[in-house]
């Protein structure tokens, strides 16, 4: 074989969460694989894809932290978006071909605020054709690329917060906090229609995921790649698995109860009735997730970490 063989990676066990500041132009999976190689991490996954157009917070979970990845998938997300007015694209963002143009009426902040109010709260949204949702086993975006359009049922979504950030004659910026399954591209198109024109997203950045990782900075990919080979420095950037659950109630168990929980038995403990909680052993080790009974007197394990059995 000609050329130099690529060095074989010695994969290792890595447990923790890396807050990546994903750059534009890269898929979430491609970003994950690049970071996973830097860490030589044997097991890893991301927590909800960002479109290649989008940038911002993308938690990457390694090892035991993958057990909390699903909870981050379910969490509300916060985005900042710039909506270009006057042109609608096939994809709902700047990467698609323009398929419709319309005049942009003169807009003032009070009229935009009135339109925004109509999207707050519980609502229903028709998913875009350019999405990963599947119809008969095939992704909608694959159908869209062939020029096919199929009926999509409106889905319930929740817009917790929707705030106007800036307004120009042909664009506006907004910040939105929304539930899982909300398409900000579709929100932008619907908002443009409510303002009497059409539009598409010019930029999209995710800034937060639920109440997790408060005060923790996201790390640019370029800064991580500058540390290639320095595993100690890279490991120092990892957040522990329970950083994803900082908004959850915490329960500390005595040694006997901690051991029983790790063995899969229900234990007596005081917790908010019916709540899911993060559980710690007497030495502060994060044991995993548990659920309290309706009286708040007993806990049963929901998802346990790989930890040494408490003494």
C-alpha atoms as a PDB file:
ATOM      1  CA  UNK A   1       0.000   0.000   0.000  1.00  0.00           C
ATOM      2  CA  UNK A   2       1.342   3.434  -0.967  1.00  0.00           C
ATOM      3  CA  UNK A   3       1.463   6.323   1.475  1.00  0.00           C
ATOM      4  CA  UNK A   4       1.665   6.453   5.229  1.00  0.00           C
ATOM      5  CA  UNK A   5      -0.890   4.487   7.189  1.00  0.00           C
ATOM      6  CA  UNK A   6      -3.077   6.543   9.495  1.00  0.00           C
ATOM      7  CA  UNK A   7      -2.104   5.956  13.140  1.00  0.00           C
ATOM      8  CA  UNK A   8      -4.467   3.637  14.947  1.00  0.00           C
ATOM      9  CA  UNK A   9      -6.455   5.371  17.662  1.00  0.00           C
ATOM     10  CA  UNK A  10      -6.185   3.886  21.134  1.00  0.00           C
ATOM     11  CA  UNK A  11      -9.736   4.415  22.383  1.00  0.00           C
ATOM     12  CA  UNK A  12     -10.247   4.955  26.104  1.00  0.00           C
ATOM     13  CA  UNK A  13     -13.045   5.265  28.632  1.00  0.00           C
ATOM     14  CA  UNK A  14     -14.125   8.886  29.040  1.00  0.00           C
ATOM     15  CA  UNK A  15     -17.022   9.926  31.295  1.00  0.00           C
ATOM     16  CA  UNK A  16     -18.366  13.468  31.108  1.00  0.00           C
ATOM     17  CA  UNK A  17     -20.069  16.135  29.014  1.00  0.00           C
ATOM     18  CA  UNK A  18     -18.297  18.486  26.644  1.00  0.00           C
ATOM     19  CA  UNK A  19     -20.191  21.681  25.860  1.00  0.00           C
ATOM     20  CA  UNK A  20     -19.301  22.260  22.238  1.00  0.00           C
ATOM     21  CA  UNK A  21     -19.854  25.585  20.510  1.00  0.00           C
ATOM     22  CA  UNK A  22     -20.670  24.027  17.153  1.00  0.00           C
ATOM     23  CA  UNK A  23     -19.575  26.124  14.173  1.00  0.00           C
ATOM     24  CA  UNK A  24     -21.720  26.775  11.138  1.00  0.00           C
ATOM     25  CA  UNK A  25     -21.297  24.511   8.141  1.00  0.00           C
ATOM     26  CA  UNK A  26     -20.833  21.281  10.089  1.00  0.00           C
ATOM     27  CA  UNK A  27     -23.422  18.630  10.933  1.00  0.00           C
ATOM     28  CA  UNK A  28     -23.867  17.673  14.565  1.00  0.00           C
ATOM     29  CA  UNK A  29     -22.692  14.124  13.892  1.00  0.00           C
ATOM     30  CA  UNK A  30     -19.578  15.314  12.063  1.00  0.00           C
ATOM     31  CA  UNK A  31     -18.801  17.605  14.999  1.00  0.00           C
ATOM     32  CA  UNK A  32     -19.300  14.716  17.432  1.00  0.00           C
ATOM     33  CA  UNK A  33     -16.926  12.442  15.533  1.00  0.00           C
ATOM     34  CA  UNK A  34     -14.204  15.090  15.366  1.00  0.00           C
ATOM     35  CA  UNK A  35     -14.404  15.743  19.102  1.00  0.00           C
ATOM     36  CA  UNK A  36     -14.679  12.056  19.934  1.00  0.00           C
ATOM     37  CA  UNK A  37     -11.417  11.412  18.067  1.00  0.00           C
ATOM     38  CA  UNK A  38      -9.719  14.227  19.972  1.00  0.00           C
ATOM     39  CA  UNK A  39     -10.764  12.651  23.255  1.00  0.00           C
ATOM     40  CA  UNK A  40     -10.101   9.095  22.019  1.00  0.00           C
ATOM     41  CA  UNK A  41     -13.490   8.406  23.621  1.00  0.00           C
ATOM     42  CA  UNK A  42     -14.764   4.868  23.239  1.00  0.00           C
ATOM     43  CA  UNK A  43     -18.447   5.861  23.562  1.00  0.00           C
ATOM     44  CA  UNK A  44     -20.158   9.143  22.761  1.00  0.00           C
ATOM     45  CA  UNK A  45     -23.298  10.795  21.460  1.00  0.00           C
ATOM     46  CA  UNK A  46     -24.832  14.219  20.948  1.00  0.00           C
ATOM     47  CA  UNK A  47     -28.013  15.567  22.508  1.00  0.00           C
ATOM     48  CA  UNK A  48     -30.176  16.870  19.700  1.00  0.00           C
ATOM     49  CA  UNK A  49     -28.984  17.825  16.258  1.00  0.00           C
ATOM     50  CA  UNK A  50     -28.312  21.354  15.110  1.00  0.00           C
ATOM     51  CA  UNK A  51     -28.668  22.039  11.386  1.00  0.00           C
ATOM     52  CA  UNK A  52     -25.352  22.679   9.596  1.00  0.00           C
ATOM     53  CA  UNK A  53     -26.495  26.311   9.216  1.00  0.00           C
ATOM     54  CA  UNK A  54     -26.872  26.665  12.994  1.00  0.00           C
ATOM     55  CA  UNK A  55     -24.170  27.294  15.544  1.00  0.00           C
ATOM     56  CA  UNK A  56     -24.060  27.197  19.313  1.00  0.00           C
ATOM     57  CA  UNK A  57     -24.420  24.929  22.313  1.00  0.00           C
ATOM     58  CA  UNK A  58     -24.243  21.204  21.502  1.00  0.00           C
ATOM     59  CA  UNK A  59     -23.591  18.991  24.550  1.00  0.00           C
ATOM     60  CA  UNK A  60     -21.568  15.898  23.678  1.00  0.00           C
ATOM     61  CA  UNK A  61     -21.948  13.061  26.165  1.00  0.00           C
ATOM     62  CA  UNK A  62     -19.206  10.491  26.668  1.00  0.00           C
ATOM     63  CA  UNK A  63     -19.281   7.202  28.540  1.00  0.00           C
ATOM     64  CA  UNK A  64     -21.594   7.197  31.558  1.00  0.00           C
ATOM     65  CA  UNK A  65     -22.855  10.665  30.626  1.00  0.00           C
ATOM     66  CA  UNK A  66     -24.706   9.137  27.663  1.00  0.00           C
ATOM     67  CA  UNK A  67     -27.228   7.913  30.270  1.00  0.00           C
ATOM     68  CA  UNK A  68     -28.469  11.490  30.725  1.00  0.00           C
ATOM     69  CA  UNK A  69     -28.424  12.384  27.014  1.00  0.00           C
ATOM     70  CA  UNK A  70     -32.114  11.574  26.591  1.00  0.00           C
ATOM     71  CA  UNK A  71     -33.031  14.058  29.304  1.00  0.00           C
ATOM     72  CA  UNK A  72     -31.237  16.806  27.410  1.00  0.00           C
ATOM     73  CA  UNK A  73     -33.096  15.809  24.253  1.00  0.00           C
ATOM     74  CA  UNK A  74     -36.370  16.428  26.096  1.00  0.00           C
ATOM     75  CA  UNK A  75     -35.329  19.788  27.558  1.00  0.00           C
ATOM     76  CA  UNK A  76     -36.447  23.178  26.271  1.00  0.00           C
ATOM     77  CA  UNK A  77     -33.945  24.954  24.034  1.00  0.00           C
ATOM     78  CA  UNK A  78     -33.171  28.663  23.622  1.00  0.00           C
ATOM     79  CA  UNK A  79     -32.133  30.133  20.270  1.00  0.00           C
ATOM     80  CA  UNK A  80     -31.288  33.483  18.754  1.00  0.00           C
ATOM     81  CA  UNK A  81     -32.388  33.821  15.149  1.00  0.00           C
ATOM     82  CA  UNK A  82     -32.222  36.384  12.361  1.00  0.00           C
ATOM     83  CA  UNK A  83     -35.201  36.336  10.000  1.00  0.00           C
ATOM     84  CA  UNK A  84     -34.663  37.776   6.530  1.00  0.00           C
ATOM     85  CA  UNK A  85     -37.911  39.197   5.128  1.00  0.00           C
ATOM     86  CA  UNK A  86     -39.144  39.330   1.552  1.00  0.00           C
ATOM     87  CA  UNK A  87     -37.975  35.920   0.314  1.00  0.00           C
ATOM     88  CA  UNK A  88     -39.001  32.364   1.207  1.00  0.00           C
ATOM     89  CA  UNK A  89     -36.662  29.457   0.472  1.00  0.00           C
ATOM     90  CA  UNK A  90     -37.308  25.752  -0.062  1.00  0.00           C
ATOM     91  CA  UNK A  91     -35.489  24.852   3.158  1.00  0.00           C
ATOM     92  CA  UNK A  92     -36.652  27.745   5.316  1.00  0.00           C
ATOM     93  CA  UNK A  93     -33.103  29.036   5.705  1.00  0.00           C
ATOM     94  CA  UNK A  94     -30.443  30.778   3.648  1.00  0.00           C
ATOM     95  CA  UNK A  95     -29.113  27.512   2.204  1.00  0.00           C
ATOM     96  CA  UNK A  96     -32.233  26.847   0.130  1.00  0.00           C
ATOM     97  CA  UNK A  97     -33.331  28.117  -3.258  1.00  0.00           C
ATOM     98  CA  UNK A  98     -35.661  31.101  -3.192  1.00  0.00           C
ATOM     99  CA  UNK A  99     -39.152  29.865  -4.111  1.00  0.00           C
ATOM    100  CA  UNK A 100     -41.245  32.940  -3.331  1.00  0.00           C
ATOM    101  CA  UNK A 101     -40.766  36.690  -3.019  1.00  0.00           C
ATOM    102  CA  UNK A 102     -43.083  39.293  -1.526  1.00  0.00           C
ATOM    103  CA  UNK A 103     -42.948  42.947  -0.621  1.00  0.00           C
ATOM    104  CA  UNK A 104     -42.133  43.787   2.963  1.00  0.00           C
ATOM    105  CA  UNK A 105     -44.600  46.252   4.494  1.00  0.00           C
ATOM    106  CA  UNK A 106     -43.298  49.014   6.743  1.00  0.00           C
ATOM    107  CA  UNK A 107     -42.897  47.444  10.177  1.00  0.00           C
ATOM    108  CA  UNK A 108     -42.843  49.042  13.588  1.00  0.00           C
ATOM    109  CA  UNK A 109     -41.950  47.333  16.853  1.00  0.00           C
ATOM    110  CA  UNK A 110     -45.534  47.407  18.276  1.00  0.00           C
ATOM    111  CA  UNK A 111     -46.895  45.519  15.248  1.00  0.00           C
ATOM    112  CA  UNK A 112     -44.104  42.945  15.476  1.00  0.00           C
ATOM    113  CA  UNK A 113     -44.713  42.526  19.203  1.00  0.00           C
ATOM    114  CA  UNK A 114     -48.400  41.899  18.501  1.00  0.00           C
ATOM    115  CA  UNK A 115     -47.494  39.220  15.956  1.00  0.00           C
ATOM    116  CA  UNK A 116     -45.041  37.567  18.354  1.00  0.00           C
ATOM    117  CA  UNK A 117     -47.732  37.337  21.017  1.00  0.00           C
ATOM    118  CA  UNK A 118     -49.751  35.035  18.769  1.00  0.00           C
ATOM    119  CA  UNK A 119     -47.019  32.387  18.858  1.00  0.00           C
ATOM    120  CA  UNK A 120     -46.376  32.248  22.599  1.00  0.00           C
ATOM    121  CA  UNK A 121     -47.734  29.394  24.687  1.00  0.00           C
ATOM    122  CA  UNK A 122     -49.107  26.036  23.561  1.00  0.00           C
ATOM    123  CA  UNK A 123     -49.578  25.911  19.806  1.00  0.00           C
ATOM    124  CA  UNK A 124     -49.396  23.549  16.840  1.00  0.00           C
ATOM    125  CA  UNK A 125     -46.795  23.604  14.105  1.00  0.00           C
ATOM    126  CA  UNK A 126     -46.576  21.868  10.723  1.00  0.00           C
ATOM    127  CA  UNK A 127     -43.083  20.325  10.402  1.00  0.00           C
ATOM    128  CA  UNK A 128     -41.082  21.419   7.336  1.00  0.00           C
ATOM    129  CA  UNK A 129     -40.474  19.093   4.418  1.00  0.00           C
ATOM    130  CA  UNK A 130     -36.747  19.578   4.933  1.00  0.00           C
ATOM    131  CA  UNK A 131     -36.640  17.686   8.223  1.00  0.00           C
ATOM    132  CA  UNK A 132     -35.489  14.301   9.488  1.00  0.00           C
ATOM    133  CA  UNK A 133     -39.028  13.157  10.267  1.00  0.00           C
ATOM    134  CA  UNK A 134     -39.900   9.990   8.414  1.00  0.00           C
ATOM    135  CA  UNK A 135     -42.780   8.960   6.168  1.00  0.00           C
ATOM    136  CA  UNK A 136     -42.969   5.221   5.435  1.00  0.00           C
ATOM    137  CA  UNK A 137     -39.400   4.820   6.657  1.00  0.00           C
ATOM    138  CA  UNK A 138     -37.920   7.598   4.512  1.00  0.00           C
ATOM    139  CA  UNK A 139     -36.802  10.985   5.783  1.00  0.00           C
ATOM    140  CA  UNK A 140     -38.903  13.919   4.617  1.00  0.00           C
ATOM    141  CA  UNK A 141     -35.828  15.778   3.399  1.00  0.00           C
ATOM    142  CA  UNK A 142     -35.101  12.915   0.988  1.00  0.00           C
ATOM    143  CA  UNK A 143     -38.594  13.284  -0.468  1.00  0.00           C
ATOM    144  CA  UNK A 144     -38.185  17.055  -0.641  1.00  0.00           C
ATOM    145  CA  UNK A 145     -34.942  16.745  -2.581  1.00  0.00           C
ATOM    146  CA  UNK A 146     -36.871  14.741  -5.188  1.00  0.00           C
ATOM    147  CA  UNK A 147     -39.435  17.514  -5.404  1.00  0.00           C
ATOM    148  CA  UNK A 148     -42.114  15.606  -3.491  1.00  0.00           C
ATOM    149  CA  UNK A 149     -44.401  17.265  -0.964  1.00  0.00           C
ATOM    150  CA  UNK A 150     -46.535  15.202   1.411  1.00  0.00           C
ATOM    151  CA  UNK A 151     -49.121  16.100   4.027  1.00  0.00           C
ATOM    152  CA  UNK A 152     -47.700  16.672   7.499  1.00  0.00           C
ATOM    153  CA  UNK A 153     -49.893  16.681  10.562  1.00  0.00           C
ATOM    154  CA  UNK A 154     -49.511  19.719  12.845  1.00  0.00           C
ATOM    155  CA  UNK A 155     -47.697  18.790  16.045  1.00  0.00           C
ATOM    156  CA  UNK A 156     -48.092  20.358  19.487  1.00  0.00           C
ATOM    157  CA  UNK A 157     -45.200  22.601  20.535  1.00  0.00           C
ATOM    158  CA  UNK A 158     -44.705  25.109  23.319  1.00  0.00           C
ATOM    159  CA  UNK A 159     -43.140  28.549  22.963  1.00  0.00           C
ATOM    160  CA  UNK A 160     -42.217  29.601  26.505  1.00  0.00           C
ATOM    161  CA  UNK A 161     -40.600  32.895  25.520  1.00  0.00           C
ATOM    162  CA  UNK A 162     -40.402  34.873  22.271  1.00  0.00           C
ATOM    163  CA  UNK A 163     -38.646  38.243  22.387  1.00  0.00           C
ATOM    164  CA  UNK A 164     -37.871  40.766  19.660  1.00  0.00           C
ATOM    165  CA  UNK A 165     -34.178  41.697  19.753  1.00  0.00           C
ATOM    166  CA  UNK A 166     -33.826  44.040  16.789  1.00  0.00           C
ATOM    167  CA  UNK A 167     -35.809  45.284  13.776  1.00  0.00           C
ATOM    168  CA  UNK A 168     -34.636  46.516  10.372  1.00  0.00           C
ATOM    169  CA  UNK A 169     -36.597  47.277   7.169  1.00  0.00           C
ATOM    170  CA  UNK A 170     -35.884  43.838   5.698  1.00  0.00           C
ATOM    171  CA  UNK A 171     -34.994  41.682   8.732  1.00  0.00           C
ATOM    172  CA  UNK A 172     -35.552  41.125  12.417  1.00  0.00           C
ATOM    173  CA  UNK A 173     -33.859  39.163  15.177  1.00  0.00           C
ATOM    174  CA  UNK A 174     -35.591  37.312  17.968  1.00  0.00           C
ATOM    175  CA  UNK A 175     -34.844  35.015  20.883  1.00  0.00           C
ATOM    176  CA  UNK A 176     -37.050  32.004  21.498  1.00  0.00           C
ATOM    177  CA  UNK A 177     -37.246  29.355  24.198  1.00  0.00           C
ATOM    178  CA  UNK A 178     -39.226  26.385  22.948  1.00  0.00           C
ATOM    179  CA  UNK A 179     -40.039  22.749  23.564  1.00  0.00           C
ATOM    180  CA  UNK A 180     -38.547  19.713  21.906  1.00  0.00           C
ATOM    181  CA  UNK A 181     -39.792  19.300  18.339  1.00  0.00           C
ATOM    182  CA  UNK A 182     -40.132  23.020  17.589  1.00  0.00           C
ATOM    183  CA  UNK A 183     -38.688  24.057  14.222  1.00  0.00           C
ATOM    184  CA  UNK A 184     -37.359  27.598  14.446  1.00  0.00           C
ATOM    185  CA  UNK A 185     -37.220  27.710  10.629  1.00  0.00           C
ATOM    186  CA  UNK A 186     -40.967  27.099  10.525  1.00  0.00           C
ATOM    187  CA  UNK A 187     -41.540  29.634  13.290  1.00  0.00           C
ATOM    188  CA  UNK A 188     -39.653  32.189  11.201  1.00  0.00           C
ATOM    189  CA  UNK A 189     -41.738  31.461   8.103  1.00  0.00           C
ATOM    190  CA  UNK A 190     -44.976  31.650  10.090  1.00  0.00           C
ATOM    191  CA  UNK A 191     -43.911  34.899  11.729  1.00  0.00           C
ATOM    192  CA  UNK A 192     -43.119  36.435   8.343  1.00  0.00           C
ATOM    193  CA  UNK A 193     -46.606  35.498   7.101  1.00  0.00           C
ATOM    194  CA  UNK A 194     -48.154  37.058  10.195  1.00  0.00           C
ATOM    195  CA  UNK A 195     -46.304  40.273   9.295  1.00  0.00           C
ATOM    196  CA  UNK A 196     -47.723  40.257   5.769  1.00  0.00           C
ATOM    197  CA  UNK A 197     -44.715  38.959   3.863  1.00  0.00           C
ATOM    198  CA  UNK A 198     -42.492  35.871   3.539  1.00  0.00           C
ATOM    199  CA  UNK A 199     -39.141  35.080   5.066  1.00  0.00           C
ATOM    200  CA  UNK A 200     -36.362  32.639   5.863  1.00  0.00           C
ATOM    201  CA  UNK A 201     -33.729  32.258   8.565  1.00  0.00           C
ATOM    202  CA  UNK A 202     -30.467  34.022   7.837  1.00  0.00           C
ATOM    203  CA  UNK A 203     -28.791  32.856  11.046  1.00  0.00           C
ATOM    204  CA  UNK A 204     -29.579  30.573  13.973  1.00  0.00           C
ATOM    205  CA  UNK A 205     -27.652  30.062  17.195  1.00  0.00           C
ATOM    206  CA  UNK A 206     -28.550  27.866  20.170  1.00  0.00           C
ATOM    207  CA  UNK A 207     -27.643  29.541  23.440  1.00  0.00           C
ATOM    208  CA  UNK A 208     -29.069  27.323  26.197  1.00  0.00           C
ATOM    209  CA  UNK A 209     -30.577  23.921  26.983  1.00  0.00           C
ATOM    210  CA  UNK A 210     -33.156  23.980  29.761  1.00  0.00           C
ATOM    211  CA  UNK A 211     -31.698  24.868  33.126  1.00  0.00           C
ATOM    212  CA  UNK A 212     -28.560  22.812  32.590  1.00  0.00           C
ATOM    213  CA  UNK A 213     -24.952  24.006  32.504  1.00  0.00           C
ATOM    214  CA  UNK A 214     -25.638  27.409  34.046  1.00  0.00           C
ATOM    215  CA  UNK A 215     -22.469  29.480  34.032  1.00  0.00           C
ATOM    216  CA  UNK A 216     -20.503  26.955  31.955  1.00  0.00           C
ATOM    217  CA  UNK A 217     -18.899  28.122  28.729  1.00  0.00           C
ATOM    218  CA  UNK A 218     -19.211  26.248  25.429  1.00  0.00           C
ATOM    219  CA  UNK A 219     -15.891  25.468  23.771  1.00  0.00           C
ATOM    220  CA  UNK A 220     -15.222  26.308  20.093  1.00  0.00           C
ATOM    221  CA  UNK A 221     -14.128  23.361  17.961  1.00  0.00           C
ATOM    222  CA  UNK A 222     -10.983  25.189  16.844  1.00  0.00           C
ATOM    223  CA  UNK A 223      -9.891  25.665  20.470  1.00  0.00           C
ATOM    224  CA  UNK A 224     -10.401  21.954  21.148  1.00  0.00           C
ATOM    225  CA  UNK A 225      -8.444  20.929  18.065  1.00  0.00           C
ATOM    226  CA  UNK A 226      -5.585  23.170  19.201  1.00  0.00           C
ATOM    227  CA  UNK A 227      -5.313  20.820  22.217  1.00  0.00           C
ATOM    228  CA  UNK A 228      -5.047  17.676  20.076  1.00  0.00           C
ATOM    229  CA  UNK A 229      -2.871  15.182  21.930  1.00  0.00           C
ATOM    230  CA  UNK A 230      -3.140  16.968  25.286  1.00  0.00           C
ATOM    231  CA  UNK A 231      -5.653  14.640  26.893  1.00  0.00           C
ATOM    232  CA  UNK A 232      -5.247  16.132  30.362  1.00  0.00           C
ATOM    233  CA  UNK A 233      -6.164  19.596  29.094  1.00  0.00           C
ATOM    234  CA  UNK A 234      -9.108  18.232  27.144  1.00  0.00           C
ATOM    235  CA  UNK A 235     -10.368  16.217  30.108  1.00  0.00           C
ATOM    236  CA  UNK A 236     -10.253  19.346  32.264  1.00  0.00           C
ATOM    237  CA  UNK A 237     -12.949  20.859  30.017  1.00  0.00           C
ATOM    238  CA  UNK A 238     -15.464  18.089  30.700  1.00  0.00           C
ATOM    239  CA  UNK A 239     -18.466  18.692  32.935  1.00  0.00           C
ATOM    240  CA  UNK A 240     -19.626  15.786  35.128  1.00  0.00           C
ATOM    241  CA  UNK A 241     -22.748  13.857  34.061  1.00  0.00           C
ATOM    242  CA  UNK A 242     -24.889  15.478  36.772  1.00  0.00           C
ATOM    243  CA  UNK A 243     -24.213  18.937  35.294  1.00  0.00           C
ATOM    244  CA  UNK A 244     -27.077  18.136  32.905  1.00  0.00           C
ATOM    245  CA  UNK A 245     -29.440  17.871  35.881  1.00  0.00           C
ATOM    246  CA  UNK A 246     -28.584  20.980  37.878  1.00  0.00           C
ATOM    247  CA  UNK A 247     -32.217  22.110  37.946  1.00  0.00           C
ATOM    248  CA  UNK A 248     -33.366  18.770  39.436  1.00  0.00           C
ATOM    249  CA  UNK A 249     -33.822  18.277  43.200  1.00  0.00           C
ATOM    250  CA  UNK A 250     -30.904  16.478  44.871  1.00  0.00           C
ATOM    251  CA  UNK A 251     -31.105  13.728  47.484  1.00  0.00           C
ATOM    252  CA  UNK A 252     -28.125  12.465  49.506  1.00  0.00           C
ATOM    253  CA  UNK A 253     -28.460   8.909  50.804  1.00  0.00           C
ATOM    254  CA  UNK A 254     -26.880   7.257  53.795  1.00  0.00           C
ATOM    255  CA  UNK A 255     -24.471   4.362  53.058  1.00  0.00           C
ATOM    256  CA  UNK A 256     -27.020   1.568  53.584  1.00  0.00           C
ATOM    257  CA  UNK A 257     -29.681   3.250  51.430  1.00  0.00           C
ATOM    258  CA  UNK A 258     -27.131   4.117  48.722  1.00  0.00           C
ATOM    259  CA  UNK A 259     -26.018   0.498  48.506  1.00  0.00           C
ATOM    260  CA  UNK A 260     -29.626  -0.707  48.349  1.00  0.00           C
ATOM    261  CA  UNK A 261     -30.483   1.717  45.557  1.00  0.00           C
ATOM    262  CA  UNK A 262     -27.437   0.599  43.556  1.00  0.00           C
ATOM    263  CA  UNK A 263     -28.684  -2.975  43.956  1.00  0.00           C
ATOM    264  CA  UNK A 264     -32.013  -2.005  42.399  1.00  0.00           C
ATOM    265  CA  UNK A 265     -34.109  -1.871  45.581  1.00  0.00           C
ATOM    266  CA  UNK A 266     -36.478   0.885  46.637  1.00  0.00           C
ATOM    267  CA  UNK A 267     -35.218   2.927  49.571  1.00  0.00           C
ATOM    268  CA  UNK A 268     -36.689   5.273  52.144  1.00  0.00           C
ATOM    269  CA  UNK A 269     -35.825   8.928  51.518  1.00  0.00           C
ATOM    270  CA  UNK A 270     -37.416  12.361  51.687  1.00  0.00           C
ATOM    271  CA  UNK A 271     -37.982  13.899  48.246  1.00  0.00           C
ATOM    272  CA  UNK A 272     -40.561  16.059  46.438  1.00  0.00           C
ATOM    273  CA  UNK A 273     -43.619  13.819  45.879  1.00  0.00           C
ATOM    274  CA  UNK A 274     -43.601  12.150  42.472  1.00  0.00           C
ATOM    275  CA  UNK A 275     -40.468  14.014  41.368  1.00  0.00           C
ATOM    276  CA  UNK A 276     -37.427  12.718  39.572  1.00  0.00           C
ATOM    277  CA  UNK A 277     -34.270  13.525  41.503  1.00  0.00           C
ATOM    278  CA  UNK A 278     -30.514  13.206  41.232  1.00  0.00           C
ATOM    279  CA  UNK A 279     -29.111  10.957  43.911  1.00  0.00           C
ATOM    280  CA  UNK A 280     -25.742  11.076  45.665  1.00  0.00           C
ATOM    281  CA  UNK A 281     -23.951   8.748  48.013  1.00  0.00           C
ATOM    282  CA  UNK A 282     -22.616   9.834  51.392  1.00  0.00           C
ATOM    283  CA  UNK A 283     -19.216  10.728  49.909  1.00  0.00           C
ATOM    284  CA  UNK A 284     -20.792  12.897  47.230  1.00  0.00           C
ATOM    285  CA  UNK A 285     -20.582  10.364  44.377  1.00  0.00           C
ATOM    286  CA  UNK A 286     -23.338  10.829  41.798  1.00  0.00           C
ATOM    287  CA  UNK A 287     -25.293   7.573  41.826  1.00  0.00           C
ATOM    288  CA  UNK A 288     -27.868   8.357  39.149  1.00  0.00           C
ATOM    289  CA  UNK A 289     -31.522   9.234  38.725  1.00  0.00           C
ATOM    290  CA  UNK A 290     -34.429   8.131  40.874  1.00  0.00           C
ATOM    291  CA  UNK A 291     -38.148   8.790  41.166  1.00  0.00           C
ATOM    292  CA  UNK A 292     -40.015   9.504  44.381  1.00  0.00           C
ATOM    293  CA  UNK A 293     -43.349   7.918  45.198  1.00  0.00           C
ATOM    294  CA  UNK A 294     -46.521   9.986  45.493  1.00  0.00           C
ATOM    295  CA  UNK A 295     -45.914  10.559  49.200  1.00  0.00           C
ATOM    296  CA  UNK A 296     -42.292  11.634  48.761  1.00  0.00           C
ATOM    297  CA  UNK A 297     -41.132   8.934  51.176  1.00  0.00           C
ATOM    298  CA  UNK A 298     -39.517   6.312  48.939  1.00  0.00           C
ATOM    299  CA  UNK A 299     -37.218   6.314  45.906  1.00  0.00           C
ATOM    300  CA  UNK A 300     -36.829   3.845  43.077  1.00  0.00           C
ATOM    301  CA  UNK A 301     -33.890   3.925  40.669  1.00  0.00           C
ATOM    302  CA  UNK A 302     -34.552   5.149  37.129  1.00  0.00           C
ATOM    303  CA  UNK A 303     -31.026   5.243  35.702  1.00  0.00           C
ATOM    304  CA  UNK A 304     -27.860   4.411  37.652  1.00  0.00           C
ATOM    305  CA  UNK A 305     -24.314   5.426  36.878  1.00  0.00           C
ATOM    306  CA  UNK A 306     -21.386   3.018  36.827  1.00  0.00           C
ATOM    307  CA  UNK A 307     -19.882   3.713  40.241  1.00  0.00           C
ATOM    308  CA  UNK A 308     -18.173   1.638  42.888  1.00  0.00           C
ATOM    309  CA  UNK A 309     -20.714   0.216  45.313  1.00  0.00           C
ATOM    310  CA  UNK A 310     -21.032   2.611  48.256  1.00  0.00           C
ATOM    311  CA  UNK A 311     -19.373   1.346  51.410  1.00  0.00           C
END
